[in-house]
PDB file of N, CA and C in Angstrom:
ATOM      1  N   MET A   1       0.830  -1.168  -0.007  1.00  0.00           N
ATOM      2  CA  MET A   1       0.025  -0.030   0.008  1.00  0.00           C
ATOM      3  C   MET A   1       0.836   1.238   0.055  1.00  0.00           C
ATOM      4  N   ILE A   2       1.927   1.235   0.830  1.00  0.00           N
ATOM      5  CA  ILE A   2       2.799   2.407   0.869  1.00  0.00           C
ATOM      6  C   ILE A   2       3.577   2.604  -0.435  1.00  0.00           C
ATOM      7  N   ARG A   3       4.003   1.504  -0.972  1.00  0.00           N
ATOM      8  CA  ARG A   3       4.712   1.549  -2.261  1.00  0.00           C
ATOM      9  C   ARG A   3       3.821   2.108  -3.358  1.00  0.00           C
ATOM     10  N   GLY A   4       2.547   1.809  -3.380  1.00  0.00           N
ATOM     11  CA  GLY A   4       1.592   2.353  -4.349  1.00  0.00           C
ATOM     12  C   GLY A   4       1.503   3.914  -4.174  1.00  0.00           C
ATOM     13  N   ALA A   5       1.434   4.330  -2.940  1.00  0.00           N
ATOM     14  CA  ALA A   5       1.345   5.753  -2.693  1.00  0.00           C
ATOM     15  C   ALA A   5       2.623   6.449  -3.167  1.00  0.00           C
ATOM     16  N   ILE A   6       3.776   5.737  -2.967  1.00  0.00           N
ATOM     17  CA  ILE A   6       5.050   6.330  -3.400  1.00  0.00           C
ATOM     18  C   ILE A   6       5.092   6.444  -4.909  1.00  0.00           C
ATOM     19  N   TRP A   7       4.689   5.359  -5.635  1.00  0.00           N
ATOM     20  CA  TRP A   7       4.708   5.404  -7.115  1.00  0.00           C
ATOM     21  C   TRP A   7       3.767   6.514  -7.607  1.00  0.00           C
ATOM     22  N   PHE A   8       2.602   6.646  -7.026  1.00  0.00           N
ATOM     23  CA  PHE A   8       1.696   7.729  -7.466  1.00  0.00           C
ATOM     24  C   PHE A   8       2.332   9.135  -7.188  1.00  0.00           C
ATOM     25  N   THR A   9       2.854   9.276  -6.006  1.00  0.00           N
ATOM     26  CA  THR A   9       3.479  10.583  -5.657  1.00  0.00           C
ATOM     27  C   THR A   9       4.640  10.916  -6.585  1.00  0.00           C
ATOM     28  N   VAL A  10       5.450   9.948  -6.912  1.00  0.00           N
ATOM     29  CA  VAL A  10       6.616  10.186  -7.844  1.00  0.00           C
ATOM     30  C   VAL A  10       6.073  10.576  -9.182  1.00  0.00           C
ATOM     31  N   GLY A  11       5.112   9.913  -9.733  1.00  0.00           N
ATOM     32  CA  GLY A  11       4.556  10.220 -11.031  1.00  0.00           C
ATOM     33  C   GLY A  11       3.898  11.570 -11.065  1.00  0.00           C
ATOM     34  N   ALA A  12       3.150  11.914 -10.026  1.00  0.00           N
ATOM     35  CA  ALA A  12       2.544  13.239  -9.904  1.00  0.00           C
ATOM     36  C   ALA A  12       3.556  14.289  -9.780  1.00  0.00           C
ATOM     37  N   SER A  13       4.616  14.086  -9.021  1.00  0.00           N
ATOM     38  CA  SER A  13       5.634  15.128  -8.785  1.00  0.00           C
ATOM     39  C   SER A  13       6.474  15.375 -10.076  1.00  0.00           C
ATOM     40  N   ILE A  14       6.817  14.333 -10.767  1.00  0.00           N
ATOM     41  CA  ILE A  14       7.506  14.515 -12.054  1.00  0.00           C
ATOM     42  C   ILE A  14       6.647  15.206 -13.025  1.00  0.00           C
ATOM     43  N   SER A  15       5.330  14.855 -13.108  1.00  0.00           N
ATOM     44  CA  SER A  15       4.423  15.537 -14.009  1.00  0.00           C
ATOM     45  C   SER A  15       4.261  16.998 -13.684  1.00  0.00           C
ATOM     46  N   LEU A  16       4.171  17.302 -12.450  1.00  0.00           N
ATOM     47  CA  LEU A  16       4.134  18.676 -11.985  1.00  0.00           C
ATOM     48  C   LEU A  16       5.376  19.478 -12.365  1.00  0.00           C
ATOM     49  N   TRP A  17       6.499  18.881 -12.111  1.00  0.00           N
ATOM     50  CA  TRP A  17       7.777  19.503 -12.462  1.00  0.00           C
ATOM     51  C   TRP A  17       7.826  19.769 -13.966  1.00  0.00           C
ATOM     52  N   LEU A  18       7.461  18.789 -14.769  1.00  0.00           N
ATOM     53  CA  LEU A  18       7.419  19.020 -16.226  1.00  0.00           C
ATOM     54  C   LEU A  18       6.464  20.113 -16.673  1.00  0.00           C
ATOM     55  N   TYR A  19       5.297  20.203 -15.987  1.00  0.00           N
ATOM     56  CA  TYR A  19       4.363  21.228 -16.338  1.00  0.00           C
ATOM     57  C   TYR A  19       4.912  22.627 -15.971  1.00  0.00           C
ATOM     58  N   ILE A  20       5.529  22.734 -14.839  1.00  0.00           N
ATOM     59  CA  ILE A  20       6.092  24.064 -14.406  1.00  0.00           C
ATOM     60  C   ILE A  20       7.227  24.473 -15.381  1.00  0.00           C
ATOM     61  N   ARG A  21       8.041  23.472 -15.756  1.00  0.00           N
ATOM     62  CA  ARG A  21       9.109  23.791 -16.650  1.00  0.00           C
ATOM     63  C   ARG A  21       8.592  24.225 -18.068  1.00  0.00           C
ATOM     64  N   ALA A  22       7.531  23.529 -18.513  1.00  0.00           N
ATOM     65  CA  ALA A  22       6.921  23.902 -19.775  1.00  0.00           C
ATOM     66  C   ALA A  22       6.226  25.296 -19.718  1.00  0.00           C
ATOM     67  N   SER A  23       5.602  25.705 -18.576  1.00  0.00           N
ATOM     68  CA  SER A  23       5.031  26.967 -18.485  1.00  0.00           C
ATOM     69  C   SER A  23       6.018  28.068 -18.451  1.00  0.00           C
ATOM     70  N   ASN A  24       7.187  27.811 -17.846  1.00  0.00           N
ATOM     71  CA  ASN A  24       8.326  28.749 -17.923  1.00  0.00           C
ATOM     72  C   ASN A  24       8.806  28.963 -19.269  1.00  0.00           C
ATOM     73  N   GLU A  25       8.969  27.909 -20.073  1.00  0.00           N
ATOM     74  CA  GLU A  25       9.356  27.955 -21.465  1.00  0.00           C
ATOM     75  C   GLU A  25       8.337  28.747 -22.256  1.00  0.00           C
ATOM     76  N   ALA A  26       7.019  28.520 -22.032  1.00  0.00           N
ATOM     77  CA  ALA A  26       5.996  29.212 -22.736  1.00  0.00           C
ATOM     78  C   ALA A  26       6.045  30.663 -22.465  1.00  0.00           C
ATOM     79  N   ALA A  27       6.377  31.042 -21.254  1.00  0.00           N
ATOM     80  CA  ALA A  27       6.458  32.462 -20.943  1.00  0.00           C
ATOM     81  C   ALA A  27       7.611  33.114 -21.681  1.00  0.00           C
ATOM     82  N   GLU A  28       8.678  32.387 -21.870  1.00  0.00           N
ATOM     83  CA  GLU A  28       9.812  32.931 -22.594  1.00  0.00           C
ATOM     84  C   GLU A  28       9.695  33.016 -24.102  1.00  0.00           C
ATOM     85  N   ASP A  29       9.305  31.927 -24.677  1.00  0.00           N
ATOM     86  CA  ASP A  29       9.270  31.905 -26.182  1.00  0.00           C
ATOM     87  C   ASP A  29       7.913  31.565 -26.729  1.00  0.00           C
ATOM     88  N   GLY A  30       6.873  31.438 -25.927  1.00  0.00           N
ATOM     89  CA  GLY A  30       5.557  31.204 -26.426  1.00  0.00           C
ATOM     90  C   GLY A  30       5.133  29.786 -26.701  1.00  0.00           C
ATOM     91  N   SER A  31       5.971  28.830 -26.463  1.00  0.00           N
ATOM     92  CA  SER A  31       5.611  27.434 -26.644  1.00  0.00           C
ATOM     93  C   SER A  31       6.209  26.587 -25.511  1.00  0.00           C
ATOM     94  N   GLY A  32       5.454  25.679 -25.042  1.00  0.00           N
ATOM     95  CA  GLY A  32       5.941  24.781 -24.046  1.00  0.00           C
ATOM     96  C   GLY A  32       5.272  23.455 -24.165  1.00  0.00           C
ATOM     97  N   GLU A  33       5.970  22.382 -23.915  1.00  0.00           N
ATOM     98  CA  GLU A  33       5.429  21.018 -24.082  1.00  0.00           C
ATOM     99  C   GLU A  33       5.707  20.226 -22.812  1.00  0.00           C
ATOM    100  N   TYR A  34       4.745  19.499 -22.342  1.00  0.00           N
ATOM    101  CA  TYR A  34       4.973  18.719 -21.184  1.00  0.00           C
ATOM    102  C   TYR A  34       4.264  17.368 -21.218  1.00  0.00           C
ATOM    103  N   PHE A  35       4.676  16.438 -20.409  1.00  0.00           N
ATOM    104  CA  PHE A  35       4.145  15.085 -20.356  1.00  0.00           C
ATOM    105  C   PHE A  35       3.501  14.792 -19.004  1.00  0.00           C
ATOM    106  N   VAL A  36       2.446  14.098 -19.020  1.00  0.00           N
ATOM    107  CA  VAL A  36       1.779  13.618 -17.784  1.00  0.00           C
ATOM    108  C   VAL A  36       2.016  12.130 -17.698  1.00  0.00           C
ATOM    109  N   LEU A  37       2.634  11.742 -16.612  1.00  0.00           N
ATOM    110  CA  LEU A  37       2.961  10.286 -16.477  1.00  0.00           C
ATOM    111  C   LEU A  37       1.761   9.507 -15.905  1.00  0.00           C
ATOM    112  N   TRP A  38       0.774   9.344 -16.831  1.00  0.00           N
ATOM    113  CA  TRP A  38      -0.462   8.702 -16.462  1.00  0.00           C
ATOM    114  C   TRP A  38      -0.236   7.240 -16.044  1.00  0.00           C
ATOM    115  N   GLY A  39       0.654   6.538 -16.753  1.00  0.00           N
ATOM    116  CA  GLY A  39       0.891   5.172 -16.496  1.00  0.00           C
ATOM    117  C   GLY A  39       1.457   4.928 -15.063  1.00  0.00           C
ATOM    118  N   LEU A  40       2.440   5.731 -14.659  1.00  0.00           N
ATOM    119  CA  LEU A  40       2.998   5.662 -13.402  1.00  0.00           C
ATOM    120  C   LEU A  40       2.012   6.008 -12.249  1.00  0.00           C
ATOM    121  N   MET A  41       1.216   6.998 -12.540  1.00  0.00           N
ATOM    122  CA  MET A  41       0.196   7.279 -11.493  1.00  0.00           C
ATOM    123  C   MET A  41      -0.909   6.236 -11.410  1.00  0.00           C
ATOM    124  N   ALA A  42      -1.305   5.741 -12.553  1.00  0.00           N
ATOM    125  CA  ALA A  42      -2.376   4.685 -12.511  1.00  0.00           C
ATOM    126  C   ALA A  42      -1.855   3.419 -11.854  1.00  0.00           C
ATOM    127  N   TYR A  43      -0.595   3.063 -12.122  1.00  0.00           N
ATOM    128  CA  TYR A  43       0.033   1.863 -11.439  1.00  0.00           C
ATOM    129  C   TYR A  43       0.070   2.066  -9.928  1.00  0.00           C
ATOM    130  N   GLY A  44       0.451   3.290  -9.469  1.00  0.00           N
ATOM    131  CA  GLY A  44       0.518   3.611  -8.119  1.00  0.00           C
ATOM    132  C   GLY A  44      -0.817   3.544  -7.430  1.00  0.00           C
ATOM    133  N   ALA A  45      -1.853   4.121  -8.134  1.00  0.00           N
ATOM    134  CA  ALA A  45      -3.209   4.104  -7.616  1.00  0.00           C
ATOM    135  C   ALA A  45      -3.725   2.691  -7.497  1.00  0.00           C
ATOM    136  N   PHE A  46      -3.445   1.849  -8.460  1.00  0.00           N
ATOM    137  CA  PHE A  46      -3.929   0.498  -8.463  1.00  0.00           C
ATOM    138  C   PHE A  46      -3.233  -0.267  -7.288  1.00  0.00           C
ATOM    139  N   ARG A  47      -1.930  -0.095  -7.123  1.00  0.00           N
ATOM    140  CA  ARG A  47      -1.261  -0.760  -5.993  1.00  0.00           C
ATOM    141  C   ARG A  47      -1.755  -0.299  -4.654  1.00  0.00           C
ATOM    142  N   PHE A  48      -1.977   1.005  -4.530  1.00  0.00           N
ATOM    143  CA  PHE A  48      -2.503   1.569  -3.298  1.00  0.00           C
ATOM    144  C   PHE A  48      -3.849   1.041  -2.978  1.00  0.00           C
ATOM    145  N   LEU A  49      -4.782   1.089  -3.931  1.00  0.00           N
ATOM    146  CA  LEU A  49      -6.138   0.639  -3.715  1.00  0.00           C
ATOM    147  C   LEU A  49      -6.188  -0.878  -3.371  1.00  0.00           C
ATOM    148  N   ARG A  50      -5.375  -1.671  -4.131  1.00  0.00           N
ATOM    149  CA  ARG A  50      -5.299  -3.111  -3.841  1.00  0.00           C
ATOM    150  C   ARG A  50      -4.823  -3.348  -2.462  1.00  0.00           C
ATOM    151  N   GLY A  51      -3.787  -2.657  -1.991  1.00  0.00           N
ATOM    152  CA  GLY A  51      -3.226  -2.764  -0.715  1.00  0.00           C
ATOM    153  C   GLY A  51      -4.215  -2.346   0.381  1.00  0.00           C
ATOM    154  N   LEU A  52      -4.923  -1.292   0.099  1.00  0.00           N
ATOM    155  CA  LEU A  52      -5.955  -0.799   1.066  1.00  0.00           C
ATOM    156  C   LEU A  52      -7.065  -1.834   1.209  1.00  0.00           C
ATOM    157  N   TYR A  53      -7.457  -2.428   0.087  1.00  0.00           N
ATOM    158  CA  TYR A  53      -8.516  -3.508   0.152  1.00  0.00           C
ATOM    159  C   TYR A  53      -8.042  -4.657   0.982  1.00  0.00           C
ATOM    160  N   TRP A  54      -6.843  -5.095   0.743  1.00  0.00           N
ATOM    161  CA  TRP A  54      -6.314  -6.234   1.516  1.00  0.00           C
ATOM    162  C   TRP A  54      -6.112  -5.908   2.990  1.00  0.00           C
ATOM    163  N   TYR A  55      -5.823  -4.632   3.243  1.00  0.00           N
ATOM    164  CA  TYR A  55      -5.640  -4.174   4.633  1.00  0.00           C
ATOM    165  C   TYR A  55      -6.988  -4.214   5.363  1.00  0.00           C
ATOM    166  N   LEU A  56      -8.023  -3.776   4.634  1.00  0.00           N
ATOM    167  CA  LEU A  56      -9.368  -3.650   5.274  1.00  0.00           C
ATOM    168  C   LEU A  56     -10.072  -4.970   5.312  1.00  0.00           C
ATOM    169  N   ALA A  57      -9.791  -5.892   4.400  1.00  0.00           N
ATOM    170  CA  ALA A  57     -10.445  -7.204   4.360  1.00  0.00           C
ATOM    171  C   ALA A  57      -9.449  -8.327   4.214  1.00  0.00           C
ATOM    172  N   PRO A  58      -8.614  -8.581   5.263  1.00  0.00           N
ATOM    173  CA  PRO A  58      -7.541  -9.565   5.109  1.00  0.00           C
ATOM    174  C   PRO A  58      -8.055 -11.008   4.988  1.00  0.00           C
ATOM    175  N   GLN A  59      -9.262 -11.258   5.499  1.00  0.00           N
ATOM    176  CA  GLN A  59      -9.821 -12.575   5.395  1.00  0.00           C
ATOM    177  C   GLN A  59     -10.002 -13.035   3.982  1.00  0.00           C
ATOM    178  N   THR A  60     -10.159 -12.137   3.024  1.00  0.00           N
ATOM    179  CA  THR A  60     -10.344 -12.544   1.609  1.00  0.00           C
ATOM    180  C   THR A  60      -9.080 -13.210   1.059  1.00  0.00           C
ATOM    181  N   LEU A  61      -7.944 -12.998   1.639  1.00  0.00           N
ATOM    182  CA  LEU A  61      -6.733 -13.580   1.207  1.00  0.00           C
ATOM    183  C   LEU A  61      -6.654 -15.104   1.484  1.00  0.00           C
ATOM    184  N   VAL A  62      -7.294 -15.543   2.555  1.00  0.00           N
ATOM    185  CA  VAL A  62      -7.188 -16.966   2.950  1.00  0.00           C
ATOM    186  C   VAL A  62      -8.473 -17.709   2.623  1.00  0.00           C
ATOM    187  N   ASP A  63      -9.553 -17.080   2.272  1.00  0.00           N
ATOM    188  CA  ASP A  63     -10.750 -17.774   1.897  1.00  0.00           C
ATOM    189  C   ASP A  63     -10.635 -18.380   0.554  1.00  0.00           C
ATOM    190  N   ASP A  64     -11.205 -19.603   0.327  1.00  0.00           N
ATOM    191  CA  ASP A  64     -11.147 -20.231  -1.007  1.00  0.00           C
ATOM    192  C   ASP A  64     -12.330 -19.869  -1.785  1.00  0.00           C
TER     193      ASP A  64
END
């Protein structure tokens, strides 16, 4: 669960940094391009939510 939160935070932080950098470039020369790391954030969100589910309902791991 913690690792999922870390993956999501890293993806969001890098995306934010790229956006800020692109907006500074746009202010200087009128064009800026940035990337949003959707895959990294989606993977982190999936791992976080899966871990949260297993944390809240641990009995589902041992039931057949």
